[in-house]
Amino acid sequence: MGEVVELCVADRVATVTLDRPDVLNAVSTPVYERLLAIFGRIEASEEIRCVVLRGRGRAFCVGADRTERATMTDDALRYRRRLVPRVVAAMYHCTRPVLAQVHGYALGGGLELALSCDVVVAAEDTVMGLVETTLGTMPAGGGTQLLPRLVGAGRAKALIFTGRRFTGAQAREWGAVTEAVPPAELEPTVATLAGEIAAAAPLAVAQAKKAINMSARLELERGVEMEAALYERLLSSADRLEGLAAARERRPPRFRGS
């Protein structure tokens, strides 16, 4: 029996695949535990420069595994609930950029996983939604915090209060996803983007991600100060000198992450 989440590393890109296609990659306690372990491995790796999160089969992820939930005790449910913010934080604060490759369905906790990524590329016909209120509950995997930051409070409230579903194309129009493409173009689009990120200087990318994430909670003046401080840490890096030398010599840079 395979893992519920698969990790494959090639060409400095880690591909993390939700691997429960028979249940449309519904997230269970083992899925969250495995994601935490995988992102721990990614942080410890010197090889990985970019991460792609995707789902195997007909869907990215349809949210919580309702079959598992029906058999869970209150303590088991609380344990799983405590795992969720840890997974969101692991992805959001991962020092490597995390790309979501979204197709088929991204509902409830599945959409929250995607929104936790740095860049979301979706097939135009993907069916999305934070549908929890139609099931008697509410988003609790970051949805009430992530979606308003992307689409604005008013639209996020309308979508969350109603549990309304929408398409990848609509999500792009509203700013909920970075890019929406025809289904046949999804995988090559993500692969190209991941390759470009993996070719960039990893220390610089990590510092840039940190600066962008901080911008959501800092006043502009303080944010610019922190940006400058993060830049200062790159001045003595070998990669900065390599980038300058490559530009001067008109050749591709060979970044080593140091």
Protein backbone atom coordinates (compact mmCIF):
# COMPACT_ATOMS: atom_id res chain seq x y z
CA MET A 1 0.00 0.00 0.00
CA GLY A 2 1.39 3.39 -0.98
CA GLU A 3 1.72 6.49 1.16
CA VAL A 4 -1.30 8.79 1.50
CA VAL A 5 1.01 11.60 0.37
CA GLU A 6 3.93 10.95 -1.97
CA LEU A 7 7.18 12.94 -2.12
CA CYS A 8 9.33 12.93 -5.25
CA VAL A 9 12.38 15.15 -5.80
CA ALA A 10 13.82 15.82 -9.25
CA ASP A 11 15.77 18.73 -10.69
CA ARG A 12 15.67 20.53 -7.31
CA VAL A 13 11.85 20.52 -7.27
CA ALA A 14 9.94 18.55 -4.64
CA THR A 15 6.58 17.28 -5.91
CA VAL A 16 4.18 16.51 -3.06
CA THR A 17 1.22 14.47 -4.30
CA LEU A 18 -1.96 13.81 -2.36
CA ASP A 19 -2.38 10.13 -3.18
CA ARG A 20 -5.90 9.02 -2.27
CA PRO A 21 -7.55 9.17 -5.71
CA ASP A 22 -10.30 6.71 -4.75
CA VAL A 23 -11.74 9.33 -2.35
CA LEU A 24 -10.77 12.36 -4.46
CA ASN A 25 -7.83 12.99 -2.10
CA ALA A 26 -10.01 13.72 0.93
CA VAL A 27 -7.79 14.79 3.83
CA SER A 28 -7.58 12.51 6.86
CA THR A 29 -5.47 12.54 10.01
CA PRO A 30 -2.73 10.43 8.31
CA VAL A 31 -2.67 12.91 5.41
CA TYR A 32 -2.02 15.85 7.75
CA GLU A 33 0.59 13.86 9.69
CA ARG A 34 2.34 12.90 6.47
CA LEU A 35 2.31 16.49 5.17
CA LEU A 36 3.95 17.70 8.38
CA ALA A 37 6.65 15.05 8.07
CA ILE A 38 7.26 15.85 4.41
CA PHE A 39 7.61 19.58 4.94
CA GLY A 40 10.02 18.84 7.76
CA ARG A 41 12.12 16.85 5.30
CA ILE A 42 11.91 19.64 2.75
CA GLU A 43 13.21 22.19 5.27
CA ALA A 44 16.12 19.90 6.14
CA SER A 45 17.09 19.34 2.50
CA GLU A 46 19.90 21.26 0.82
CA GLU A 47 18.78 20.08 -2.61
CA ILE A 48 15.18 21.29 -2.80
CA ARG A 49 14.53 24.81 -4.10
CA CYS A 50 10.82 24.71 -4.94
CA VAL A 51 7.77 22.65 -3.96
CA VAL A 52 4.72 21.67 -6.01
CA LEU A 53 1.61 20.44 -4.19
CA ARG A 54 -0.85 18.50 -6.34
CA GLY A 55 -3.49 15.75 -6.21
CA ARG A 56 -3.50 12.43 -8.04
CA GLY A 57 -6.52 11.42 -10.10
CA ARG A 58 -9.64 13.46 -10.79
CA ALA A 59 -9.28 16.09 -8.07
CA PHE A 60 -6.82 18.19 -6.15
CA CYS A 61 -8.67 17.66 -2.86
CA VAL A 62 -12.34 17.60 -1.85
CA GLY A 63 -11.71 18.47 1.79
CA ALA A 64 -12.21 16.47 4.96
CA ASP A 65 -12.62 12.70 4.85
CA ARG A 66 -16.23 12.38 6.00
CA THR A 67 -15.98 8.62 6.41
CA GLU A 68 -13.13 9.06 8.89
CA ARG A 69 -14.94 11.89 10.66
CA ALA A 70 -18.05 9.75 11.20
CA THR A 71 -16.03 7.28 13.28
CA MET A 72 -13.91 9.77 15.24
CA THR A 73 -14.19 10.44 18.94
CA ASP A 74 -14.20 14.05 20.13
CA ASP A 75 -10.57 13.65 21.25
CA ALA A 76 -9.55 12.28 17.86
CA LEU A 77 -11.30 15.16 16.13
CA ARG A 78 -9.58 17.69 18.39
CA TYR A 79 -6.22 16.07 17.61
CA ARG A 80 -6.84 16.42 13.90
CA ARG A 81 -7.98 20.00 14.32
CA ARG A 82 -4.70 20.79 16.10
CA LEU A 83 -2.76 19.32 13.18
CA VAL A 84 -4.38 21.59 10.59
CA PRO A 85 -2.89 24.97 11.64
CA ARG A 86 0.49 23.28 11.94
CA VAL A 87 0.26 22.12 8.33
CA VAL A 88 -0.86 25.57 7.16
CA ALA A 89 2.06 27.16 9.01
CA ALA A 90 4.54 24.63 7.63
CA MET A 91 3.52 25.49 4.08
CA TYR A 92 3.15 29.24 4.58
CA HIS A 93 6.51 29.59 6.35
CA CYS A 94 8.38 27.03 4.26
CA THR A 95 11.63 28.65 3.15
CA ARG A 96 11.04 27.28 -0.34
CA PRO A 97 8.24 28.65 -2.54
CA VAL A 98 5.25 26.31 -2.56
CA LEU A 99 3.13 26.10 -5.72
CA ALA A 100 -0.35 24.56 -5.78
CA GLN A 101 -1.31 22.72 -8.97
CA VAL A 102 -5.11 22.59 -8.70
CA HIS A 103 -7.56 20.66 -10.86
CA GLY A 104 -10.93 18.93 -10.67
CA TYR A 105 -12.17 19.90 -7.22
CA ALA A 106 -10.70 22.03 -4.43
CA LEU A 107 -13.33 22.17 -1.72
CA GLY A 108 -13.29 22.99 1.99
CA GLY A 109 -10.00 21.90 3.52
CA GLY A 110 -8.69 21.15 0.04
CA LEU A 111 -9.10 24.77 -1.04
CA GLU A 112 -7.53 25.86 2.25
CA LEU A 113 -4.45 23.75 1.48
CA ALA A 114 -4.17 25.46 -1.91
CA LEU A 115 -4.61 28.95 -0.44
CA SER A 116 -1.79 28.21 2.02
CA CYS A 117 0.62 27.98 -0.92
CA ASP A 118 2.62 30.91 -2.27
CA VAL A 119 1.33 30.57 -5.83
CA VAL A 120 -1.85 28.83 -6.97
CA VAL A 121 -2.22 27.73 -10.59
CA ALA A 122 -5.61 26.20 -11.34
CA ALA A 123 -7.32 24.64 -14.29
CA GLU A 124 -10.03 26.99 -15.48
CA ASP A 125 -12.76 24.40 -14.92
CA THR A 126 -11.74 23.51 -11.36
CA VAL A 127 -14.70 23.55 -8.96
CA MET A 128 -13.76 25.44 -5.79
CA GLY A 129 -15.47 26.54 -2.61
CA LEU A 130 -15.33 26.85 1.14
CA VAL A 131 -18.49 24.83 1.61
CA GLU A 132 -18.40 24.24 5.37
CA THR A 133 -21.44 26.37 6.28
CA THR A 134 -23.63 24.11 4.14
CA LEU A 135 -22.50 21.22 6.35
CA GLY A 136 -23.19 22.92 9.67
CA THR A 137 -19.66 24.09 10.42
CA MET A 138 -17.16 26.75 9.25
CA PRO A 139 -13.74 26.89 7.61
CA ALA A 140 -11.08 26.10 10.21
CA GLY A 141 -8.00 25.42 8.12
CA GLY A 142 -7.12 29.04 7.46
CA GLY A 143 -9.96 29.82 5.06
CA THR A 144 -11.45 32.74 7.01
CA GLN A 145 -7.98 34.30 7.23
CA LEU A 146 -6.52 33.51 3.81
CA LEU A 147 -9.45 34.15 1.46
CA PRO A 148 -10.21 37.74 2.66
CA ARG A 149 -6.56 38.67 2.13
CA LEU A 150 -6.87 37.59 -1.50
CA VAL A 151 -10.36 38.65 -2.58
CA GLY A 152 -11.37 41.22 0.03
CA ALA A 153 -13.56 40.84 3.10
CA GLY A 154 -16.89 41.42 1.34
CA ARG A 155 -16.47 38.79 -1.36
CA ALA A 156 -14.92 36.34 1.11
CA LYS A 157 -17.91 36.75 3.44
CA ALA A 158 -20.37 36.15 0.60
CA LEU A 159 -18.54 33.01 -0.49
CA ILE A 160 -18.05 31.62 3.02
CA PHE A 161 -21.51 32.50 4.37
CA THR A 162 -23.22 30.78 1.43
CA GLY A 163 -20.73 27.96 0.82
CA ARG A 164 -21.05 28.89 -2.84
CA ARG A 165 -18.93 27.05 -5.40
CA PHE A 166 -16.99 28.82 -8.14
CA THR A 167 -14.60 27.97 -10.95
CA GLY A 168 -10.88 28.36 -11.33
CA ALA A 169 -11.52 31.03 -13.96
CA GLN A 170 -13.69 33.01 -11.52
CA ALA A 171 -11.10 32.56 -8.79
CA ARG A 172 -8.46 34.11 -11.04
CA GLU A 173 -10.75 37.03 -11.86
CA TRP A 174 -11.21 37.70 -8.14
CA GLY A 175 -7.55 37.19 -7.21
CA ALA A 176 -8.07 33.97 -5.23
CA VAL A 177 -5.63 32.11 -7.46
CA THR A 178 -2.57 33.38 -9.28
CA GLU A 179 -3.32 31.93 -12.70
CA ALA A 180 -6.06 29.88 -14.37
CA VAL A 181 -5.24 27.94 -17.51
CA PRO A 182 -6.91 25.36 -19.78
CA PRO A 183 -6.69 21.90 -18.16
CA ALA A 184 -4.20 20.60 -20.74
CA GLU A 185 -1.83 23.47 -19.92
CA LEU A 186 -1.90 23.08 -16.13
CA GLU A 187 0.99 20.67 -15.61
CA PRO A 188 3.40 22.28 -18.11
CA THR A 189 2.59 25.76 -16.76
CA VAL A 190 3.43 24.72 -13.21
CA ALA A 191 6.52 22.79 -14.33
CA THR A 192 7.86 25.84 -16.16
CA LEU A 193 7.27 28.12 -13.19
CA ALA A 194 8.83 25.64 -10.76
CA GLY A 195 11.87 25.29 -13.02
CA GLU A 196 12.35 29.05 -13.18
CA ILE A 197 12.15 29.35 -9.39
CA ALA A 198 14.56 26.44 -8.91
CA ALA A 199 17.06 28.18 -11.19
CA ALA A 200 17.03 31.37 -9.11
CA ALA A 201 19.29 32.02 -6.11
CA PRO A 202 17.72 30.02 -3.24
CA LEU A 203 18.84 32.33 -0.42
CA ALA A 204 17.50 35.35 -2.27
CA VAL A 205 14.19 33.62 -2.98
CA ALA A 206 13.83 32.60 0.68
CA GLN A 207 14.51 36.15 1.89
CA ALA A 208 12.10 37.58 -0.68
CA LYS A 209 9.35 35.18 0.46
CA LYS A 210 9.92 36.19 4.07
CA ALA A 211 9.71 39.88 3.17
CA ILE A 212 6.50 39.45 1.18
CA ASN A 213 4.86 37.44 3.95
CA MET A 214 5.76 40.11 6.50
CA SER A 215 4.17 42.82 4.36
CA ALA A 216 0.68 41.59 5.32
CA ARG A 217 1.16 42.55 8.98
CA LEU A 218 3.56 45.52 8.89
CA GLU A 219 3.07 49.21 8.19
CA LEU A 220 4.79 50.26 4.97
CA GLU A 221 7.65 52.13 6.66
CA ARG A 222 8.43 49.22 8.96
CA GLY A 223 8.08 46.77 6.08
CA VAL A 224 10.63 48.65 3.98
CA GLU A 225 13.03 48.63 6.96
CA MET A 226 12.65 44.88 7.34
CA GLU A 227 13.11 44.38 3.60
CA ALA A 228 16.41 46.27 3.79
CA ALA A 229 17.53 44.14 6.74
CA LEU A 230 16.77 40.94 4.85
CA TYR A 231 18.67 42.28 1.82
CA GLU A 232 21.70 43.05 4.01
CA ARG A 233 21.97 39.35 4.86
CA LEU A 234 22.51 38.57 1.16
CA LEU A 235 25.40 40.98 0.66
CA SER A 236 28.01 38.53 1.90
CA SER A 237 26.56 35.51 0.13
CA ALA A 238 28.49 33.61 -2.50
CA ASP A 239 25.37 33.51 -4.65
CA ARG A 240 25.27 37.33 -4.90
CA LEU A 241 28.85 37.37 -6.13
CA GLU A 242 28.08 34.54 -8.54
CA GLY A 243 25.08 36.45 -9.89
CA LEU A 244 27.20 39.53 -10.54
CA ALA A 245 29.96 37.46 -12.18
CA ALA A 246 27.48 35.61 -14.39
CA ALA A 247 25.92 38.87 -15.56
CA ARG A 248 29.34 40.33 -16.27
CA GLU A 249 30.47 37.23 -18.15
CA ARG A 250 27.13 36.82 -19.92
CA ARG A 251 26.55 33.24 -18.80
CA PRO A 252 23.90 31.44 -16.76
CA PRO A 253 24.57 31.70 -13.01
CA ARG A 254 25.44 28.61 -10.96
CA PHE A 255 23.83 29.26 -7.60
CA ARG A 256 24.77 27.00 -4.69
CA GLY A 257 22.60 28.36 -1.91
CA SER A 258 25.43 29.88 0.08
